[in-house]
Amino acid sequence: MANKELARADGQVHEEPVDYVVGRKLTYEDYAKLPNEPGYKLQLIDGLLIREPGSSLLHQRAQDE
């Protein structure tokens, strides 16, 4: 099972298990059923789920200028 990193108030990071790990390539239908994770961008590439942190507000502001 994969883990999800979470920052605590004291600044340390701990991991919690996530429940969407599968032992096969995912389909678009599988991807469409995944829950939205605020702060992360999910991509499905060749059947593999890629989970990346979203861009920060500061980064988004810099792109707009």
Protein backbone atom coordinates (compact mmCIF):
# COMPACT_ATOMS: atom_id res chain seq x y z
CA MET A 1 0.00 0.00 0.00
CA ALA A 2 1.32 3.46 -0.84
CA ASN A 3 1.57 6.30 1.63
CA LYS A 4 0.33 9.87 1.63
CA GLU A 5 2.60 12.51 3.16
CA LEU A 6 0.95 14.99 5.52
CA ALA A 7 2.58 17.99 7.16
CA ARG A 8 1.83 18.42 10.85
CA ALA A 9 1.54 21.70 12.71
CA ASP A 10 5.07 21.24 14.10
CA GLY A 11 6.44 21.16 10.54
CA GLN A 12 7.30 17.45 10.52
CA VAL A 13 5.93 15.16 7.83
CA HIS A 14 4.27 11.82 8.50
CA GLU A 15 2.67 9.34 6.15
CA GLU A 16 -0.81 7.83 6.07
CA PRO A 17 -1.77 4.89 3.85
CA VAL A 18 -3.92 5.59 0.81
CA ASP A 19 -6.58 3.23 -0.47
CA TYR A 20 -6.31 3.56 -4.26
CA VAL A 21 -3.28 1.36 -4.95
CA VAL A 22 -3.91 -1.46 -7.41
CA GLY A 23 -1.69 -4.17 -8.84
CA ARG A 24 -2.67 -3.53 -12.47
CA LYS A 25 -2.67 -0.71 -14.98
CA LEU A 26 -5.52 1.72 -14.41
CA THR A 27 -8.10 2.68 -17.00
CA TYR A 28 -9.68 6.08 -17.52
CA GLU A 29 -12.78 4.76 -15.73
CA ASP A 30 -10.62 3.92 -12.68
CA TYR A 31 -9.03 7.37 -12.83
CA ALA A 32 -12.42 9.10 -13.06
CA LYS A 33 -13.55 7.39 -9.83
CA LEU A 34 -10.59 8.65 -7.75
CA PRO A 35 -11.35 11.21 -5.06
CA ASN A 36 -10.16 14.78 -5.51
CA GLU A 37 -7.13 15.52 -3.36
CA PRO A 38 -6.78 19.24 -2.69
CA GLY A 39 -3.22 20.39 -3.25
CA TYR A 40 -2.34 17.55 -5.62
CA LYS A 41 -2.54 16.94 -9.35
CA LEU A 42 -3.33 13.40 -10.51
CA GLN A 43 -2.37 12.15 -13.97
CA LEU A 44 -2.87 8.80 -15.65
CA ILE A 45 0.06 7.94 -17.93
CA ASP A 46 0.22 4.53 -19.62
CA GLY A 47 -2.01 3.06 -16.91
CA LEU A 48 0.11 4.39 -14.04
CA LEU A 49 -1.22 6.95 -11.59
CA ILE A 50 1.09 9.92 -11.08
CA ARG A 51 0.38 12.10 -8.02
CA GLU A 52 2.23 15.42 -7.86
CA PRO A 53 1.88 18.41 -5.57
CA GLY A 54 -0.06 21.24 -7.19
CA SER A 55 1.63 24.54 -7.84
CA SER A 56 1.68 26.96 -4.94
CA LEU A 57 -0.35 30.16 -4.91
CA LEU A 58 2.87 32.17 -5.25
CA HIS A 59 3.85 30.15 -8.33
CA GLN A 60 0.39 30.63 -9.85
CA ARG A 61 0.61 34.39 -9.30
CA ALA A 62 4.03 34.54 -10.96
CA GLN A 63 2.66 32.73 -14.01
CA ASP A 64 -0.16 35.28 -14.38
CA GLU A 65 2.23 38.22 -14.57
